[in-house]
Amino acid sequence: MKIQMIELKELDIYEEDEEYKQRFINTRKIPACLTNYSLKLGKDLGLLEGSLIADLLQLQGLNGFDEIEDDPEKAAQVAEAAEQLDQVKYLKVIYLACIGLNKNLELSFDEFVSLYHESMEDMLNTYAELVTDIISSDKNQFAQGLKASTKKNKKKKIK
């Protein structure tokens, strides 16, 4: 289980030389990791709807974003994947990873979102790390079991 560090901070807007500027104050780091408890909370709170694996595969469509100028097919693939991005869905998973490890963290989802100010790229990377970790660290070796079960089905069809 790999623990991610999530930075929460308050956005402060202030005026300086007749211009409005922003700064972050009251920064704190919180450990985050998806656990069985996190996933249960997600279902109980109505924050998780679909499969995290399906969402992760959807993000795979964004691979090669920097190559789209050279490949029109890749550009179409990336554009289609980008249309499916739901920022709130990814924020929910990051939130669940935080409250799953920090049971005394008394932040509602709205409060969490008001303190989470990462770029879309950083948010997607954090989400992907969290989901990949829970899938790959499964002691039951879900992925290997799935591969093994599909191999058996292929053998049955051949006979």
N, C-alpha and C. Protein backbone atom coordinates (compact mmCIF):
# COMPACT_ATOMS: atom_id res chain seq x y z
N MET A 1 0.86 -1.17 0.00
CA MET A 1 0.00 0.00 0.00
C MET A 1 0.91 1.24 0.00
N LYS A 2 0.78 2.03 -1.05
CA LYS A 2 1.58 3.25 -1.17
C LYS A 2 0.74 4.43 -0.71
N ILE A 3 1.29 5.22 0.17
CA ILE A 3 0.55 6.36 0.72
C ILE A 3 0.91 7.63 -0.06
N GLN A 4 -0.09 8.33 -0.51
CA GLN A 4 0.07 9.61 -1.20
C GLN A 4 -0.11 10.72 -0.17
N MET A 5 0.58 11.82 -0.39
CA MET A 5 0.40 12.98 0.47
C MET A 5 -0.44 14.02 -0.27
N ILE A 6 -1.54 14.40 0.34
CA ILE A 6 -2.46 15.38 -0.25
C ILE A 6 -2.30 16.70 0.51
N GLU A 7 -2.10 17.75 -0.25
CA GLU A 7 -1.92 19.07 0.37
C GLU A 7 -3.24 19.83 0.34
N LEU A 8 -3.68 20.23 1.52
CA LEU A 8 -4.88 21.03 1.66
C LEU A 8 -4.47 22.43 2.12
N LYS A 9 -5.11 23.44 1.57
CA LYS A 9 -4.74 24.81 1.90
C LYS A 9 -5.90 25.74 1.61
N GLU A 10 -5.94 26.82 2.34
CA GLU A 10 -6.98 27.82 2.15
C GLU A 10 -6.54 28.83 1.10
N LEU A 11 -7.46 29.20 0.25
CA LEU A 11 -7.21 30.23 -0.75
C LEU A 11 -7.57 31.58 -0.13
N ASP A 12 -6.60 32.49 -0.15
CA ASP A 12 -6.81 33.81 0.42
C ASP A 12 -6.67 34.84 -0.71
N ILE A 13 -7.69 35.63 -0.91
CA ILE A 13 -7.68 36.69 -1.92
C ILE A 13 -7.46 38.01 -1.18
N TYR A 14 -6.48 38.77 -1.64
CA TYR A 14 -6.19 40.04 -0.99
C TYR A 14 -5.91 41.10 -2.05
N GLU A 15 -5.99 42.35 -1.62
CA GLU A 15 -5.77 43.46 -2.54
C GLU A 15 -4.40 44.07 -2.26
N GLU A 16 -3.66 44.30 -3.34
CA GLU A 16 -2.34 44.92 -3.23
C GLU A 16 -2.13 45.80 -4.45
N ASP A 17 -1.83 47.05 -4.21
CA ASP A 17 -1.63 48.02 -5.30
C ASP A 17 -2.81 48.04 -6.27
N GLU A 18 -3.99 48.08 -5.70
CA GLU A 18 -5.24 48.13 -6.46
C GLU A 18 -5.46 46.93 -7.38
N GLU A 19 -4.82 45.82 -7.07
CA GLU A 19 -5.02 44.57 -7.80
C GLU A 19 -5.36 43.48 -6.79
N TYR A 20 -6.17 42.55 -7.24
CA TYR A 20 -6.47 41.40 -6.39
C TYR A 20 -5.48 40.29 -6.71
N LYS A 21 -4.96 39.72 -5.65
CA LYS A 21 -4.00 38.63 -5.78
C LYS A 21 -4.45 37.47 -4.91
N GLN A 22 -3.86 36.34 -5.17
CA GLN A 22 -4.20 35.16 -4.37
C GLN A 22 -2.95 34.57 -3.74
N ARG A 23 -3.17 33.93 -2.62
CA ARG A 23 -2.11 33.20 -1.95
C ARG A 23 -2.78 32.08 -1.17
N PHE A 24 -1.98 31.12 -0.80
CA PHE A 24 -2.49 30.01 -0.02
C PHE A 24 -1.97 30.11 1.40
N ILE A 25 -2.85 29.85 2.35
CA ILE A 25 -2.48 29.92 3.77
C ILE A 25 -2.95 28.65 4.47
N ASN A 26 -2.46 28.44 5.65
CA ASN A 26 -2.85 27.29 6.49
C ASN A 26 -2.71 25.97 5.73
N THR A 27 -1.55 25.76 5.16
CA THR A 27 -1.27 24.54 4.40
C THR A 27 -1.00 23.38 5.36
N ARG A 28 -1.56 22.23 4.99
CA ARG A 28 -1.27 21.00 5.75
C ARG A 28 -1.30 19.83 4.80
N LYS A 29 -0.52 18.81 5.13
CA LYS A 29 -0.46 17.61 4.31
C LYS A 29 -1.15 16.47 5.05
N ILE A 30 -1.91 15.71 4.27
CA ILE A 30 -2.68 14.60 4.83
C ILE A 30 -2.34 13.33 4.06
N PRO A 31 -2.05 12.24 4.77
CA PRO A 31 -1.79 10.99 4.06
C PRO A 31 -3.09 10.45 3.46
N ALA A 32 -2.96 9.82 2.30
CA ALA A 32 -4.14 9.28 1.62
C ALA A 32 -3.80 7.95 0.96
N CYS A 33 -4.74 7.05 1.04
CA CYS A 33 -4.59 5.74 0.41
C CYS A 33 -5.98 5.11 0.35
N LEU A 34 -6.30 4.51 -0.76
CA LEU A 34 -7.59 3.83 -0.83
C LEU A 34 -7.50 2.50 -0.09
N THR A 35 -8.44 2.28 0.79
CA THR A 35 -8.52 1.05 1.56
C THR A 35 -9.92 0.48 1.39
N ASN A 36 -10.12 -0.70 1.90
CA ASN A 36 -11.47 -1.27 1.87
C ASN A 36 -12.45 -0.36 2.61
N TYR A 37 -11.97 0.23 3.71
CA TYR A 37 -12.81 1.15 4.47
C TYR A 37 -13.18 2.38 3.62
N SER A 38 -12.20 2.90 2.88
CA SER A 38 -12.47 4.04 2.00
C SER A 38 -13.56 3.71 0.99
N LEU A 39 -13.44 2.54 0.39
CA LEU A 39 -14.42 2.13 -0.63
C LEU A 39 -15.80 1.92 -0.02
N LYS A 40 -15.85 1.37 1.20
CA LYS A 40 -17.13 1.20 1.88
C LYS A 40 -17.76 2.56 2.17
N LEU A 41 -16.94 3.49 2.66
CA LEU A 41 -17.44 4.84 2.91
C LEU A 41 -17.98 5.47 1.63
N GLY A 42 -17.28 5.26 0.55
CA GLY A 42 -17.72 5.80 -0.73
C GLY A 42 -19.10 5.31 -1.12
N LYS A 43 -19.35 4.03 -0.92
CA LYS A 43 -20.68 3.48 -1.21
C LYS A 43 -21.71 4.00 -0.23
N ASP A 44 -21.36 4.00 1.07
CA ASP A 44 -22.30 4.46 2.10
C ASP A 44 -22.69 5.93 1.91
N LEU A 45 -21.73 6.76 1.52
CA LEU A 45 -21.99 8.19 1.35
C LEU A 45 -22.54 8.54 -0.03
N GLY A 46 -22.62 7.52 -0.90
CA GLY A 46 -23.13 7.75 -2.24
C GLY A 46 -22.14 8.48 -3.14
N LEU A 47 -20.85 8.42 -2.81
CA LEU A 47 -19.85 9.12 -3.60
C LEU A 47 -19.28 8.26 -4.73
N LEU A 48 -19.34 6.95 -4.59
CA LEU A 48 -18.86 6.05 -5.64
C LEU A 48 -20.04 5.45 -6.37
N GLU A 49 -19.97 5.51 -7.68
CA GLU A 49 -21.07 4.97 -8.48
C GLU A 49 -20.62 3.81 -9.35
N GLY A 50 -19.52 3.97 -10.04
CA GLY A 50 -19.08 2.94 -10.98
C GLY A 50 -17.81 2.27 -10.54
N SER A 51 -17.19 1.61 -11.48
CA SER A 51 -15.97 0.87 -11.22
C SER A 51 -14.76 1.78 -11.33
N LEU A 52 -13.88 1.70 -10.35
CA LEU A 52 -12.65 2.46 -10.40
C LEU A 52 -11.75 1.96 -11.52
N ILE A 53 -11.85 0.67 -11.81
CA ILE A 53 -11.04 0.10 -12.89
C ILE A 53 -11.47 0.69 -14.22
N ALA A 54 -12.76 0.81 -14.44
CA ALA A 54 -13.26 1.40 -15.69
C ALA A 54 -12.81 2.85 -15.82
N ASP A 55 -12.84 3.59 -14.72
CA ASP A 55 -12.38 4.98 -14.75
C ASP A 55 -10.90 5.06 -15.08
N LEU A 56 -10.13 4.15 -14.51
CA LEU A 56 -8.69 4.15 -14.76
C LEU A 56 -8.41 3.83 -16.23
N LEU A 57 -9.14 2.89 -16.79
CA LEU A 57 -8.96 2.57 -18.20
C LEU A 57 -9.32 3.76 -19.08
N GLN A 58 -10.31 4.51 -18.66
CA GLN A 58 -10.71 5.71 -19.40
C GLN A 58 -9.55 6.71 -19.43
N LEU A 59 -8.84 6.82 -18.31
CA LEU A 59 -7.69 7.73 -18.26
C LEU A 59 -6.57 7.27 -19.18
N GLN A 60 -6.50 5.97 -19.45
CA GLN A 60 -5.47 5.47 -20.35
C GLN A 60 -5.59 6.11 -21.73
N GLY A 61 -6.79 6.50 -22.11
CA GLY A 61 -7.00 7.15 -23.39
C GLY A 61 -6.29 8.48 -23.51
N LEU A 62 -5.89 9.05 -22.38
CA LEU A 62 -5.18 10.33 -22.40
C LEU A 62 -3.69 10.16 -22.59
N ASN A 63 -3.20 8.92 -22.54
CA ASN A 63 -1.77 8.70 -22.75
C ASN A 63 -1.38 9.20 -24.13
N GLY A 64 -0.25 9.81 -24.23
CA GLY A 64 0.23 10.32 -25.50
C GLY A 64 -0.33 11.67 -25.86
N PHE A 65 -0.84 12.40 -24.87
CA PHE A 65 -1.42 13.72 -25.12
C PHE A 65 -0.42 14.63 -25.84
N ASP A 66 0.85 14.48 -25.51
CA ASP A 66 1.88 15.33 -26.12
C ASP A 66 2.20 14.94 -27.56
N GLU A 67 1.63 13.85 -28.06
CA GLU A 67 1.91 13.39 -29.42
C GLU A 67 0.78 13.70 -30.40
N ILE A 68 -0.24 14.42 -29.98
CA ILE A 68 -1.42 14.58 -30.83
C ILE A 68 -1.17 15.43 -32.07
N GLU A 69 -0.18 16.30 -32.03
CA GLU A 69 0.09 17.13 -33.21
C GLU A 69 0.59 16.28 -34.38
N ASP A 70 1.29 15.20 -34.09
CA ASP A 70 1.87 14.36 -35.13
C ASP A 70 0.94 13.25 -35.60
N ASP A 71 -0.09 12.97 -34.86
CA ASP A 71 -0.94 11.83 -35.18
C ASP A 71 -2.42 12.19 -35.04
N PRO A 72 -3.11 12.42 -36.15
CA PRO A 72 -4.53 12.80 -36.09
C PRO A 72 -5.41 11.74 -35.42
N GLU A 73 -5.05 10.47 -35.58
CA GLU A 73 -5.81 9.40 -34.93
C GLU A 73 -5.69 9.50 -33.41
N LYS A 74 -4.46 9.78 -32.96
CA LYS A 74 -4.21 9.93 -31.52
C LYS A 74 -4.95 11.16 -31.00
N ALA A 75 -5.00 12.22 -31.78
CA ALA A 75 -5.71 13.44 -31.38
C ALA A 75 -7.18 13.14 -31.16
N ALA A 76 -7.78 12.35 -32.05
CA ALA A 76 -9.20 12.00 -31.91
C ALA A 76 -9.41 11.14 -30.67
N GLN A 77 -8.49 10.21 -30.42
CA GLN A 77 -8.61 9.32 -29.25
C GLN A 77 -8.51 10.13 -27.95
N VAL A 78 -7.55 11.04 -27.90
CA VAL A 78 -7.37 11.86 -26.70
C VAL A 78 -8.57 12.78 -26.50
N ALA A 79 -9.08 13.36 -27.58
CA ALA A 79 -10.25 14.25 -27.48
C ALA A 79 -11.46 13.49 -26.94
N GLU A 80 -11.65 12.26 -27.41
CA GLU A 80 -12.78 11.44 -26.93
C GLU A 80 -12.62 11.12 -25.45
N ALA A 81 -11.41 10.77 -25.03
CA ALA A 81 -11.17 10.46 -23.62
C ALA A 81 -11.36 11.70 -22.76
N ALA A 82 -10.92 12.86 -23.25
CA ALA A 82 -11.03 14.10 -22.48
C ALA A 82 -12.48 14.50 -22.27
N GLU A 83 -13.35 14.18 -23.23
CA GLU A 83 -14.77 14.50 -23.07
C GLU A 83 -15.40 13.74 -21.91
N GLN A 84 -14.83 12.61 -21.58
CA GLN A 84 -15.38 11.76 -20.52
C GLN A 84 -14.87 12.12 -19.13
N LEU A 85 -13.92 13.04 -19.04
CA LEU A 85 -13.34 13.40 -17.74
C LEU A 85 -14.39 14.07 -16.85
N ASP A 86 -14.45 13.61 -15.64
CA ASP A 86 -15.36 14.18 -14.66
C ASP A 86 -14.53 14.54 -13.43
N GLN A 87 -14.16 15.78 -13.34
CA GLN A 87 -13.27 16.25 -12.27
C GLN A 87 -13.83 15.92 -10.89
N VAL A 88 -15.11 16.06 -10.71
CA VAL A 88 -15.72 15.81 -9.40
C VAL A 88 -15.58 14.33 -9.01
N LYS A 89 -15.70 13.45 -9.99
CA LYS A 89 -15.56 12.02 -9.72
C LYS A 89 -14.17 11.72 -9.15
N TYR A 90 -13.15 12.34 -9.72
CA TYR A 90 -11.78 12.10 -9.25
C TYR A 90 -11.55 12.74 -7.89
N LEU A 91 -12.15 13.90 -7.66
CA LEU A 91 -12.06 14.54 -6.35
C LEU A 91 -12.69 13.67 -5.27
N LYS A 92 -13.79 13.01 -5.60
CA LYS A 92 -14.45 12.14 -4.62
C LYS A 92 -13.53 11.00 -4.19
N VAL A 93 -12.82 10.41 -5.13
CA VAL A 93 -11.93 9.30 -4.80
C VAL A 93 -10.76 9.79 -3.95
N ILE A 94 -10.20 10.94 -4.28
CA ILE A 94 -9.11 11.50 -3.48
C ILE A 94 -9.60 11.81 -2.06
N TYR A 95 -10.79 12.36 -1.96
CA TYR A 95 -11.40 12.63 -0.66
C TYR A 95 -11.56 11.34 0.15
N LEU A 96 -12.08 10.31 -0.49
CA LEU A 96 -12.27 9.03 0.20
C LEU A 96 -10.94 8.44 0.66
N ALA A 97 -9.90 8.62 -0.15
CA ALA A 97 -8.58 8.13 0.25
C ALA A 97 -8.08 8.87 1.48
N CYS A 98 -8.42 10.14 1.59
CA CYS A 98 -8.02 10.93 2.78
C CYS A 98 -8.80 10.51 4.01
N ILE A 99 -10.13 10.44 3.90
CA ILE A 99 -10.91 10.13 5.10
C ILE A 99 -10.81 8.65 5.48
N GLY A 100 -10.45 7.80 4.54
CA GLY A 100 -10.28 6.38 4.84
C GLY A 100 -9.09 6.13 5.74
N LEU A 101 -8.04 6.91 5.58
CA LEU A 101 -6.85 6.76 6.43
C LEU A 101 -6.89 7.64 7.67
N ASN A 102 -7.66 8.70 7.60
CA ASN A 102 -7.71 9.69 8.69
C ASN A 102 -9.13 9.74 9.25
N LYS A 103 -9.46 8.78 10.06
CA LYS A 103 -10.83 8.68 10.56
C LYS A 103 -11.27 9.89 11.39
N ASN A 104 -10.31 10.62 11.93
CA ASN A 104 -10.65 11.80 12.73
C ASN A 104 -10.67 13.07 11.91
N LEU A 105 -10.48 12.95 10.60
CA LEU A 105 -10.52 14.11 9.72
C LEU A 105 -11.97 14.47 9.49
N GLU A 106 -12.39 15.53 10.10
CA GLU A 106 -13.80 15.91 10.05
C GLU A 106 -14.02 16.99 9.00
N LEU A 107 -13.88 16.58 7.75
CA LEU A 107 -14.15 17.47 6.63
C LEU A 107 -15.24 16.85 5.77
N SER A 108 -16.23 17.63 5.46
CA SER A 108 -17.23 17.16 4.50
C SER A 108 -16.58 17.20 3.12
N PHE A 109 -17.22 16.60 2.14
CA PHE A 109 -16.69 16.64 0.78
C PHE A 109 -16.57 18.08 0.30
N ASP A 110 -17.57 18.90 0.57
CA ASP A 110 -17.52 20.31 0.16
C ASP A 110 -16.36 21.05 0.81
N GLU A 111 -16.13 20.80 2.09
CA GLU A 111 -15.02 21.44 2.79
C GLU A 111 -13.68 20.99 2.19
N PHE A 112 -13.60 19.70 1.89
CA PHE A 112 -12.38 19.16 1.29
C PHE A 112 -12.09 19.85 -0.05
N VAL A 113 -13.11 19.94 -0.90
CA VAL A 113 -12.93 20.54 -2.22
C VAL A 113 -12.52 22.01 -2.09
N SER A 114 -13.02 22.70 -1.08
CA SER A 114 -12.64 24.11 -0.91
C SER A 114 -11.18 24.27 -0.48
N LEU A 115 -10.56 23.19 -0.01
CA LEU A 115 -9.17 23.23 0.43
C LEU A 115 -8.19 22.54 -0.53
N TYR A 116 -8.71 21.85 -1.52
CA TYR A 116 -7.87 21.12 -2.48
C TYR A 116 -7.71 21.96 -3.73
N HIS A 117 -6.50 22.45 -3.97
CA HIS A 117 -6.27 23.41 -5.06
C HIS A 117 -5.19 22.94 -6.03
N GLU A 118 -5.21 21.69 -6.41
CA GLU A 118 -4.20 21.18 -7.33
C GLU A 118 -4.66 21.36 -8.78
N SER A 119 -3.70 21.34 -9.68
CA SER A 119 -4.02 21.44 -11.11
C SER A 119 -4.73 20.17 -11.56
N MET A 120 -5.38 20.24 -12.70
CA MET A 120 -6.08 19.07 -13.24
C MET A 120 -5.09 17.93 -13.47
N GLU A 121 -3.92 18.25 -13.97
CA GLU A 121 -2.91 17.22 -14.23
C GLU A 121 -2.48 16.53 -12.93
N ASP A 122 -2.20 17.32 -11.89
CA ASP A 122 -1.81 16.75 -10.60
C ASP A 122 -2.94 15.92 -10.00
N MET A 123 -4.17 16.41 -10.13
CA MET A 123 -5.31 15.68 -9.60
C MET A 123 -5.46 14.33 -10.31
N LEU A 124 -5.33 14.32 -11.63
CA LEU A 124 -5.45 13.07 -12.38
C LEU A 124 -4.33 12.11 -12.03
N ASN A 125 -3.12 12.64 -11.86
CA ASN A 125 -1.99 11.78 -11.47
C ASN A 125 -2.22 11.17 -10.09
N THR A 126 -2.69 11.97 -9.14
CA THR A 126 -2.97 11.47 -7.80
C THR A 126 -4.05 10.40 -7.85
N TYR A 127 -5.11 10.68 -8.58
CA TYR A 127 -6.20 9.71 -8.73
C TYR A 127 -5.67 8.39 -9.31
N ALA A 128 -4.91 8.50 -10.40
CA ALA A 128 -4.39 7.29 -11.05
C ALA A 128 -3.48 6.50 -10.11
N GLU A 129 -2.64 7.20 -9.35
CA GLU A 129 -1.76 6.52 -8.39
C GLU A 129 -2.58 5.78 -7.32
N LEU A 130 -3.60 6.45 -6.81
CA LEU A 130 -4.43 5.84 -5.76
C LEU A 130 -5.14 4.59 -6.27
N VAL A 131 -5.74 4.70 -7.43
CA VAL A 131 -6.51 3.58 -7.98
C VAL A 131 -5.59 2.45 -8.42
N THR A 132 -4.49 2.79 -9.08
CA THR A 132 -3.54 1.77 -9.52
C THR A 132 -3.00 1.01 -8.33
N ASP A 133 -2.72 1.72 -7.25
CA ASP A 133 -2.17 1.09 -6.07
C ASP A 133 -3.14 0.08 -5.47
N ILE A 134 -4.41 0.44 -5.38
CA ILE A 134 -5.36 -0.50 -4.76
C ILE A 134 -5.57 -1.73 -5.64
N ILE A 135 -5.50 -1.55 -6.94
CA ILE A 135 -5.68 -2.68 -7.84
C ILE A 135 -4.44 -3.58 -7.82
N SER A 136 -3.25 -2.98 -7.89
CA SER A 136 -2.03 -3.77 -7.97
C SER A 136 -1.59 -4.34 -6.63
N SER A 137 -2.02 -3.75 -5.52
CA SER A 137 -1.58 -4.24 -4.21
C SER A 137 -2.55 -5.26 -3.62
N ASP A 138 -3.55 -5.62 -4.39
CA ASP A 138 -4.54 -6.58 -3.91
C ASP A 138 -3.85 -7.92 -3.63
N LYS A 139 -3.87 -8.34 -2.37
CA LYS A 139 -3.20 -9.57 -1.98
C LYS A 139 -3.83 -10.79 -2.67
N ASN A 140 -5.07 -10.69 -3.10
CA ASN A 140 -5.72 -11.79 -3.81
C ASN A 140 -5.30 -11.83 -5.27
N GLN A 141 -4.49 -10.87 -5.68
CA GLN A 141 -3.97 -10.77 -7.03
C GLN A 141 -5.10 -10.82 -8.05
N PHE A 142 -5.98 -9.83 -7.93
CA PHE A 142 -7.16 -9.72 -8.78
C PHE A 142 -6.80 -9.81 -10.26
N ALA A 143 -5.79 -9.04 -10.67
CA ALA A 143 -5.43 -9.00 -12.09
C ALA A 143 -4.97 -10.36 -12.58
N GLN A 144 -4.14 -11.03 -11.80
CA GLN A 144 -3.66 -12.36 -12.21
C GLN A 144 -4.80 -13.36 -12.23
N GLY A 145 -5.69 -13.27 -11.28
CA GLY A 145 -6.85 -14.16 -11.27
C GLY A 145 -7.74 -13.95 -12.47
N LEU A 146 -7.91 -12.68 -12.85
CA LEU A 146 -8.73 -12.38 -14.02
C LEU A 146 -8.08 -12.94 -15.28
N LYS A 147 -6.77 -12.77 -15.41
CA LYS A 147 -6.06 -13.32 -16.57
C LYS A 147 -6.21 -14.84 -16.61
N ALA A 148 -6.03 -15.47 -15.47
CA ALA A 148 -6.12 -16.93 -15.41
C ALA A 148 -7.51 -17.40 -15.79
N SER A 149 -8.53 -16.69 -15.34
CA SER A 149 -9.90 -17.12 -15.65
C SER A 149 -10.22 -16.94 -17.12
N THR A 150 -9.67 -15.93 -17.75
CA THR A 150 -9.93 -15.74 -19.18
C THR A 150 -9.16 -16.75 -20.01
N LYS A 151 -8.00 -17.17 -19.56
CA LYS A 151 -7.26 -18.22 -20.27
C LYS A 151 -8.04 -19.52 -20.25
N LYS A 152 -8.66 -19.85 -19.13
CA LYS A 152 -9.46 -21.08 -19.04
C LYS A 152 -10.62 -21.03 -20.02
N ASN A 153 -11.26 -19.87 -20.13
CA ASN A 153 -12.39 -19.73 -21.05
C ASN A 153 -11.94 -19.94 -22.47
N LYS A 154 -10.78 -19.42 -22.84
CA LYS A 154 -10.27 -19.58 -24.20
C LYS A 154 -10.00 -21.06 -24.49
N LYS A 155 -9.43 -21.76 -23.52
CA LYS A 155 -9.14 -23.19 -23.71
C LYS A 155 -10.43 -23.96 -23.93
N LYS A 156 -11.47 -23.62 -23.19
CA LYS A 156 -12.75 -24.31 -23.33
C LYS A 156 -13.34 -24.08 -24.70
N LYS A 157 -13.21 -22.88 -25.23
CA LYS A 157 -13.76 -22.55 -26.54
C LYS A 157 -13.01 -23.28 -27.64
N ILE A 158 -11.71 -23.50 -27.49
CA ILE A 158 -10.91 -24.14 -28.51
C ILE A 158 -11.26 -25.62 -28.61
N LYS A 159 -11.51 -26.26 -27.49
CA LYS A 159 -11.82 -27.70 -27.50
C LYS A 159 -13.12 -27.92 -28.08
